[in-house]
Amino acid sequence: LYLNGNMNYSYLSKYIKLASANKVEYTIVTNKEHNSEIGLVLAYDYAIDKPEIFVERKTVKAEAEKPKKGGLFAK
């Protein structure tokens, strides 16, 4: 597991804890010449024959605003 060393520490520390808990070896990689949106890469010692290797982003649907209930002191 390769972790992006430029990632915010709060996220990085969570990945480190998960890797350690699951006995997954990890390496923190920091490249000062290139900034990447990729936070981690899980690598194997053999080829993965897949046309798409990136995890798709999930879009979160915004909840419809619930009408506020008027209280005893509401105007």
PDB file of N, CA and C in Angstrom:
ATOM      1  N   LEU A   1       0.854  -1.159   0.000  1.00  0.00           N
ATOM      2  CA  LEU A   1       0.000   0.000   0.000  1.00  0.00           C
ATOM      3  C   LEU A   1       0.903   1.225   0.000  1.00  0.00           C
ATOM      4  N   TYR A   2       0.687   2.104  -0.974  1.00  0.00           N
ATOM      5  CA  TYR A   2       1.432   3.354  -1.050  1.00  0.00           C
ATOM      6  C   TYR A   2       0.500   4.488  -0.654  1.00  0.00           C
ATOM      7  N   LEU A   3       0.914   5.280   0.323  1.00  0.00           N
ATOM      8  CA  LEU A   3       0.109   6.390   0.814  1.00  0.00           C
ATOM      9  C   LEU A   3       0.748   7.708   0.410  1.00  0.00           C
ATOM     10  N   ASN A   4      -0.080   8.645  -0.042  1.00  0.00           N
ATOM     11  CA  ASN A   4       0.390   9.960  -0.451  1.00  0.00           C
ATOM     12  C   ASN A   4       0.762  10.763   0.796  1.00  0.00           C
ATOM     13  N   GLY A   5       2.035  11.067   0.942  1.00  0.00           N
ATOM     14  CA  GLY A   5       2.528  11.810   2.102  1.00  0.00           C
ATOM     15  C   GLY A   5       2.072  13.248   2.143  1.00  0.00           C
ATOM     16  N   ASN A   6       1.527  13.761   1.033  1.00  0.00           N
ATOM     17  CA  ASN A   6       1.017  15.132   1.000  1.00  0.00           C
ATOM     18  C   ASN A   6      -0.437  15.212   1.459  1.00  0.00           C
ATOM     19  N   MET A   7      -1.019  14.070   1.766  1.00  0.00           N
ATOM     20  CA  MET A   7      -2.406  14.011   2.214  1.00  0.00           C
ATOM     21  C   MET A   7      -2.515  14.633   3.611  1.00  0.00           C
ATOM     22  N   ASN A   8      -3.673  15.209   3.896  1.00  0.00           N
ATOM     23  CA  ASN A   8      -3.947  15.760   5.217  1.00  0.00           C
ATOM     24  C   ASN A   8      -3.706  14.675   6.264  1.00  0.00           C
ATOM     25  N   TYR A   9      -3.047  15.033   7.354  1.00  0.00           N
ATOM     26  CA  TYR A   9      -2.659  14.036   8.351  1.00  0.00           C
ATOM     27  C   TYR A   9      -3.852  13.314   8.966  1.00  0.00           C
ATOM     28  N   SER A  10      -4.980  13.992   9.107  1.00  0.00           N
ATOM     29  CA  SER A  10      -6.142  13.332   9.714  1.00  0.00           C
ATOM     30  C   SER A  10      -6.596  12.143   8.867  1.00  0.00           C
ATOM     31  N   TYR A  11      -6.501  12.262   7.536  1.00  0.00           N
ATOM     32  CA  TYR A  11      -6.847  11.143   6.653  1.00  0.00           C
ATOM     33  C   TYR A  11      -5.725  10.108   6.636  1.00  0.00           C
ATOM     34  N   LEU A  12      -4.503  10.587   6.528  1.00  0.00           N
ATOM     35  CA  LEU A  12      -3.346   9.698   6.453  1.00  0.00           C
ATOM     36  C   LEU A  12      -3.275   8.786   7.676  1.00  0.00           C
ATOM     37  N   SER A  13      -3.494   9.344   8.846  1.00  0.00           N
ATOM     38  CA  SER A  13      -3.401   8.537  10.067  1.00  0.00           C
ATOM     39  C   SER A  13      -4.476   7.451  10.110  1.00  0.00           C
ATOM     40  N   LYS A  14      -5.656   7.725   9.562  1.00  0.00           N
ATOM     41  CA  LYS A  14      -6.713   6.704   9.513  1.00  0.00           C
ATOM     42  C   LYS A  14      -6.306   5.542   8.617  1.00  0.00           C
ATOM     43  N   TYR A  15      -5.702   5.857   7.454  1.00  0.00           N
ATOM     44  CA  TYR A  15      -5.252   4.796   6.547  1.00  0.00           C
ATOM     45  C   TYR A  15      -4.128   3.981   7.182  1.00  0.00           C
ATOM     46  N   ILE A  16      -3.239   4.644   7.895  1.00  0.00           N
ATOM     47  CA  ILE A  16      -2.142   3.943   8.559  1.00  0.00           C
ATOM     48  C   ILE A  16      -2.691   2.987   9.615  1.00  0.00           C
ATOM     49  N   LYS A  17      -3.653   3.448  10.403  1.00  0.00           N
ATOM     50  CA  LYS A  17      -4.258   2.588  11.431  1.00  0.00           C
ATOM     51  C   LYS A  17      -4.957   1.389  10.800  1.00  0.00           C
ATOM     52  N   LEU A  18      -5.700   1.623   9.693  1.00  0.00           N
ATOM     53  CA  LEU A  18      -6.385   0.519   9.015  1.00  0.00           C
ATOM     54  C   LEU A  18      -5.393  -0.487   8.448  1.00  0.00           C
ATOM     55  N   ALA A  19      -4.323   0.019   7.832  1.00  0.00           N
ATOM     56  CA  ALA A  19      -3.312  -0.875   7.266  1.00  0.00           C
ATOM     57  C   ALA A  19      -2.659  -1.706   8.369  1.00  0.00           C
ATOM     58  N   SER A  20      -2.317  -1.067   9.459  1.00  0.00           N
ATOM     59  CA  SER A  20      -1.688  -1.786  10.575  1.00  0.00           C
ATOM     60  C   SER A  20      -2.625  -2.823  11.171  1.00  0.00           C
ATOM     61  N   ALA A  21      -3.888  -2.460  11.353  1.00  0.00           N
ATOM     62  CA  ALA A  21      -4.866  -3.382  11.938  1.00  0.00           C
ATOM     63  C   ALA A  21      -5.087  -4.604  11.061  1.00  0.00           C
ATOM     64  N   ASN A  22      -4.936  -4.423   9.731  1.00  0.00           N
ATOM     65  CA  ASN A  22      -5.147  -5.528   8.793  1.00  0.00           C
ATOM     66  C   ASN A  22      -3.841  -6.158   8.330  1.00  0.00           C
ATOM     67  N   LYS A  23      -2.743  -5.795   8.986  1.00  0.00           N
ATOM     68  CA  LYS A  23      -1.412  -6.338   8.689  1.00  0.00           C
ATOM     69  C   LYS A  23      -1.023  -6.146   7.222  1.00  0.00           C
ATOM     70  N   VAL A  24      -1.313  -4.947   6.706  1.00  0.00           N
ATOM     71  CA  VAL A  24      -0.953  -4.584   5.338  1.00  0.00           C
ATOM     72  C   VAL A  24       0.270  -3.670   5.416  1.00  0.00           C
ATOM     73  N   GLU A  25       1.337  -4.064   4.738  1.00  0.00           N
ATOM     74  CA  GLU A  25       2.532  -3.222   4.715  1.00  0.00           C
ATOM     75  C   GLU A  25       2.235  -1.962   3.918  1.00  0.00           C
ATOM     76  N   TYR A  26       2.769  -0.830   4.367  1.00  0.00           N
ATOM     77  CA  TYR A  26       2.526   0.430   3.668  1.00  0.00           C
ATOM     78  C   TYR A  26       3.807   1.248   3.589  1.00  0.00           C
ATOM     79  N   THR A  27       3.835   2.131   2.609  1.00  0.00           N
ATOM     80  CA  THR A  27       4.938   3.056   2.417  1.00  0.00           C
ATOM     81  C   THR A  27       4.346   4.436   2.189  1.00  0.00           C
ATOM     82  N   ILE A  28       4.878   5.432   2.876  1.00  0.00           N
ATOM     83  CA  ILE A  28       4.431   6.805   2.667  1.00  0.00           C
ATOM     84  C   ILE A  28       5.341   7.424   1.618  1.00  0.00           C
ATOM     85  N   VAL A  29       4.728   7.924   0.538  1.00  0.00           N
ATOM     86  CA  VAL A  29       5.470   8.485  -0.584  1.00  0.00           C
ATOM     87  C   VAL A  29       5.183   9.977  -0.662  1.00  0.00           C
ATOM     88  N   THR A  30       6.240  10.781  -0.705  1.00  0.00           N
ATOM     89  CA  THR A  30       6.084  12.228  -0.828  1.00  0.00           C
ATOM     90  C   THR A  30       6.872  12.700  -2.036  1.00  0.00           C
ATOM     91  N   ASN A  31       6.180  13.297  -2.994  1.00  0.00           N
ATOM     92  CA  ASN A  31       6.815  13.835  -4.189  1.00  0.00           C
ATOM     93  C   ASN A  31       6.573  15.337  -4.193  1.00  0.00           C
ATOM     94  N   LYS A  32       7.599  16.111  -3.907  1.00  0.00           N
ATOM     95  CA  LYS A  32       7.450  17.565  -3.816  1.00  0.00           C
ATOM     96  C   LYS A  32       7.313  18.228  -5.181  1.00  0.00           C
ATOM     97  N   GLU A  33       7.635  17.509  -6.260  1.00  0.00           N
ATOM     98  CA  GLU A  33       7.563  18.083  -7.600  1.00  0.00           C
ATOM     99  C   GLU A  33       6.216  17.863  -8.267  1.00  0.00           C
ATOM    100  N   HIS A  34       5.369  17.027  -7.685  1.00  0.00           N
ATOM    101  CA  HIS A  34       4.077  16.711  -8.312  1.00  0.00           C
ATOM    102  C   HIS A  34       3.009  16.581  -7.240  1.00  0.00           C
ATOM    103  N   ASN A  35       1.860  17.220  -7.473  1.00  0.00           N
ATOM    104  CA  ASN A  35       0.736  17.115  -6.545  1.00  0.00           C
ATOM    105  C   ASN A  35      -0.329  16.237  -7.185  1.00  0.00           C
ATOM    106  N   SER A  36      -0.813  15.259  -6.464  1.00  0.00           N
ATOM    107  CA  SER A  36      -1.776  14.305  -7.000  1.00  0.00           C
ATOM    108  C   SER A  36      -3.013  14.252  -6.122  1.00  0.00           C
ATOM    109  N   GLU A  37      -4.169  14.019  -6.750  1.00  0.00           N
ATOM    110  CA  GLU A  37      -5.408  13.835  -5.998  1.00  0.00           C
ATOM    111  C   GLU A  37      -5.532  12.402  -5.481  1.00  0.00           C
ATOM    112  N   ILE A  38      -4.643  11.531  -5.924  1.00  0.00           N
ATOM    113  CA  ILE A  38      -4.696  10.126  -5.516  1.00  0.00           C
ATOM    114  C   ILE A  38      -4.085  10.007  -4.126  1.00  0.00           C
ATOM    115  N   GLY A  39      -4.871   9.489  -3.185  1.00  0.00           N
ATOM    116  CA  GLY A  39      -4.431   9.395  -1.798  1.00  0.00           C
ATOM    117  C   GLY A  39      -3.692   8.117  -1.476  1.00  0.00           C
ATOM    118  N   LEU A  40      -4.076   7.027  -2.151  1.00  0.00           N
ATOM    119  CA  LEU A  40      -3.395   5.762  -1.895  1.00  0.00           C
ATOM    120  C   LEU A  40      -3.472   4.867  -3.114  1.00  0.00           C
ATOM    121  N   VAL A  41      -2.511   3.966  -3.193  1.00  0.00           N
ATOM    122  CA  VAL A  41      -2.458   2.983  -4.280  1.00  0.00           C
ATOM    123  C   VAL A  41      -2.194   1.626  -3.646  1.00  0.00           C
ATOM    124  N   LEU A  42      -3.070   0.681  -3.938  1.00  0.00           N
ATOM    125  CA  LEU A  42      -2.861  -0.694  -3.488  1.00  0.00           C
ATOM    126  C   LEU A  42      -2.202  -1.433  -4.642  1.00  0.00           C
ATOM    127  N   ALA A  43      -0.985  -1.887  -4.443  1.00  0.00           N
ATOM    128  CA  ALA A  43      -0.213  -2.523  -5.507  1.00  0.00           C
ATOM    129  C   ALA A  43       0.032  -3.995  -5.182  1.00  0.00           C
ATOM    130  N   TYR A  44       0.052  -4.794  -6.226  1.00  0.00           N
ATOM    131  CA  TYR A  44       0.360  -6.224  -6.110  1.00  0.00           C
ATOM    132  C   TYR A  44       1.634  -6.515  -6.880  1.00  0.00           C
ATOM    133  N   ASP A  45       2.208  -7.681  -6.653  1.00  0.00           N
ATOM    134  CA  ASP A  45       3.418  -8.060  -7.374  1.00  0.00           C
ATOM    135  C   ASP A  45       3.101  -8.774  -8.684  1.00  0.00           C
ATOM    136  N   TYR A  46       1.828  -8.715  -9.108  1.00  0.00           N
ATOM    137  CA  TYR A  46       1.420  -9.287 -10.389  1.00  0.00           C
ATOM    138  C   TYR A  46       0.425  -8.337 -11.051  1.00  0.00           C
ATOM    139  N   ALA A  47       0.263  -8.500 -12.362  1.00  0.00           N
ATOM    140  CA  ALA A  47      -0.586  -7.592 -13.134  1.00  0.00           C
ATOM    141  C   ALA A  47      -2.064  -7.831 -12.854  1.00  0.00           C
ATOM    142  N   ILE A  48      -2.816  -6.762 -12.821  1.00  0.00           N
ATOM    143  CA  ILE A  48      -4.270  -6.819 -12.699  1.00  0.00           C
ATOM    144  C   ILE A  48      -4.823  -6.437 -14.069  1.00  0.00           C
ATOM    145  N   ASP A  49      -5.452  -7.377 -14.746  1.00  0.00           N
ATOM    146  CA  ASP A  49      -5.939  -7.136 -16.110  1.00  0.00           C
ATOM    147  C   ASP A  49      -7.364  -6.581 -16.070  1.00  0.00           C
ATOM    148  N   LYS A  50      -7.461  -5.293 -15.776  1.00  0.00           N
ATOM    149  CA  LYS A  50      -8.754  -4.611 -15.707  1.00  0.00           C
ATOM    150  C   LYS A  50      -8.673  -3.352 -16.559  1.00  0.00           C
ATOM    151  N   PRO A  51      -9.728  -3.061 -17.343  1.00  0.00           N
ATOM    152  CA  PRO A  51      -9.697  -1.843 -18.160  1.00  0.00           C
ATOM    153  C   PRO A  51      -9.780  -0.574 -17.310  1.00  0.00           C
ATOM    154  N   GLU A  52     -10.457  -0.621 -16.186  1.00  0.00           N
ATOM    155  CA  GLU A  52     -10.605   0.551 -15.317  1.00  0.00           C
ATOM    156  C   GLU A  52     -10.138   0.169 -13.919  1.00  0.00           C
ATOM    157  N   ILE A  53      -9.139   0.891 -13.414  1.00  0.00           N
ATOM    158  CA  ILE A  53      -8.599   0.530 -12.109  1.00  0.00           C
ATOM    159  C   ILE A  53      -8.918   1.552 -11.026  1.00  0.00           C
ATOM    160  N   PHE A  54      -9.543   2.656 -11.388  1.00  0.00           N
ATOM    161  CA  PHE A  54      -9.867   3.683 -10.407  1.00  0.00           C
ATOM    162  C   PHE A  54     -11.215   3.404  -9.760  1.00  0.00           C
ATOM    163  N   VAL A  55     -11.352   3.770  -8.523  1.00  0.00           N
ATOM    164  CA  VAL A  55     -12.627   3.655  -7.820  1.00  0.00           C
ATOM    165  C   VAL A  55     -13.464   4.867  -8.211  1.00  0.00           C
ATOM    166  N   GLU A  56     -14.707   4.616  -8.595  1.00  0.00           N
ATOM    167  CA  GLU A  56     -15.570   5.721  -9.002  1.00  0.00           C
ATOM    168  C   GLU A  56     -15.978   6.547  -7.799  1.00  0.00           C
ATOM    169  N   ARG A  57     -16.086   7.858  -8.027  1.00  0.00           N
ATOM    170  CA  ARG A  57     -16.562   8.743  -6.964  1.00  0.00           C
ATOM    171  C   ARG A  57     -18.055   8.575  -6.809  1.00  0.00           C
ATOM    172  N   LYS A  58     -18.485   8.537  -5.579  1.00  0.00           N
ATOM    173  CA  LYS A  58     -19.915   8.459  -5.305  1.00  0.00           C
ATOM    174  C   LYS A  58     -20.433   9.875  -5.122  1.00  0.00           C
ATOM    175  N   THR A  59     -21.579  10.141  -5.715  1.00  0.00           N
ATOM    176  CA  THR A  59     -22.185  11.449  -5.520  1.00  0.00           C
ATOM    177  C   THR A  59     -23.223  11.328  -4.420  1.00  0.00           C
ATOM    178  N   VAL A  60     -23.208  12.274  -3.543  1.00  0.00           N
ATOM    179  CA  VAL A  60     -24.135  12.273  -2.418  1.00  0.00           C
ATOM    180  C   VAL A  60     -25.306  13.163  -2.776  1.00  0.00           C
ATOM    181  N   LYS A  61     -26.510  12.597  -2.672  1.00  0.00           N
ATOM    182  CA  LYS A  61     -27.704  13.374  -2.955  1.00  0.00           C
ATOM    183  C   LYS A  61     -28.018  14.241  -1.743  1.00  0.00           C
ATOM    184  N   ALA A  62     -28.257  15.515  -2.009  1.00  0.00           N
ATOM    185  CA  ALA A  62     -28.597  16.431  -0.923  1.00  0.00           C
ATOM    186  C   ALA A  62     -29.999  16.118  -0.422  1.00  0.00           C
ATOM    187  N   GLU A  63     -30.143  16.080   0.885  1.00  0.00           N
ATOM    188  CA  GLU A  63     -31.458  15.828   1.465  1.00  0.00           C
ATOM    189  C   GLU A  63     -32.336  17.044   1.249  1.00  0.00           C
ATOM    190  N   ALA A  64     -33.590  16.792   0.931  1.00  0.00           N
ATOM    191  CA  ALA A  64     -34.538  17.888   0.791  1.00  0.00           C
ATOM    192  C   ALA A  64     -34.699  18.546   2.151  1.00  0.00           C
ATOM    193  N   GLU A  65     -34.755  19.863   2.128  1.00  0.00           N
ATOM    194  CA  GLU A  65     -34.869  20.592   3.383  1.00  0.00           C
ATOM    195  C   GLU A  65     -36.216  20.307   4.022  1.00  0.00           C
ATOM    196  N   LYS A  66     -36.180  19.905   5.269  1.00  0.00           N
ATOM    197  CA  LYS A  66     -37.406  19.575   5.978  1.00  0.00           C
ATOM    198  C   LYS A  66     -38.041  20.863   6.496  1.00  0.00           C
ATOM    199  N   PRO A  67     -39.357  20.959   6.386  1.00  0.00           N
ATOM    200  CA  PRO A  67     -40.007  22.167   6.910  1.00  0.00           C
ATOM    201  C   PRO A  67     -39.835  22.239   8.421  1.00  0.00           C
ATOM    202  N   LYS A  68     -39.551  23.443   8.887  1.00  0.00           N
ATOM    203  CA  LYS A  68     -39.352  23.634  10.321  1.00  0.00           C
ATOM    204  C   LYS A  68     -40.705  23.728  11.004  1.00  0.00           C
ATOM    205  N   LYS A  69     -40.785  23.079  12.118  1.00  0.00           N
ATOM    206  CA  LYS A  69     -42.020  23.119  12.891  1.00  0.00           C
ATOM    207  C   LYS A  69     -42.010  24.377  13.748  1.00  0.00           C
ATOM    208  N   GLY A  70     -43.136  25.031  13.782  1.00  0.00           N
ATOM    209  CA  GLY A  70     -43.242  26.222  14.613  1.00  0.00           C
ATOM    210  C   GLY A  70     -43.422  25.828  16.060  1.00  0.00           C
ATOM    211  N   GLY A  71     -42.616  26.389  16.917  1.00  0.00           N
ATOM    212  CA  GLY A  71     -42.719  26.098  18.335  1.00  0.00           C
ATOM    213  C   GLY A  71     -43.670  27.078  19.015  1.00  0.00           C
ATOM    214  N   LEU A  72     -43.760  26.955  20.266  1.00  0.00           N
ATOM    215  CA  LEU A  72     -44.645  27.795  21.055  1.00  0.00           C
ATOM    216  C   LEU A  72     -44.242  29.264  20.959  1.00  0.00           C
ATOM    217  N   PHE A  73     -42.912  29.515  20.875  1.00  0.00           N
ATOM    218  CA  PHE A  73     -42.428  30.885  20.850  1.00  0.00           C
ATOM    219  C   PHE A  73     -42.011  31.335  19.454  1.00  0.00           C
ATOM    220  N   ALA A  74     -42.276  30.550  18.415  1.00  0.00           N
ATOM    221  CA  ALA A  74     -41.881  30.895  17.047  1.00  0.00           C
ATOM    222  C   ALA A  74     -42.752  32.018  16.519  1.00  0.00           C
ATOM    223  N   LYS A  75     -42.148  32.893  15.732  1.00  0.00           N
ATOM    224  CA  LYS A  75     -42.901  34.005  15.125  1.00  0.00           C
ATOM    225  C   LYS A  75     -43.226  33.669  13.704  1.00  0.00           C
TER     226      LYS A  75
END
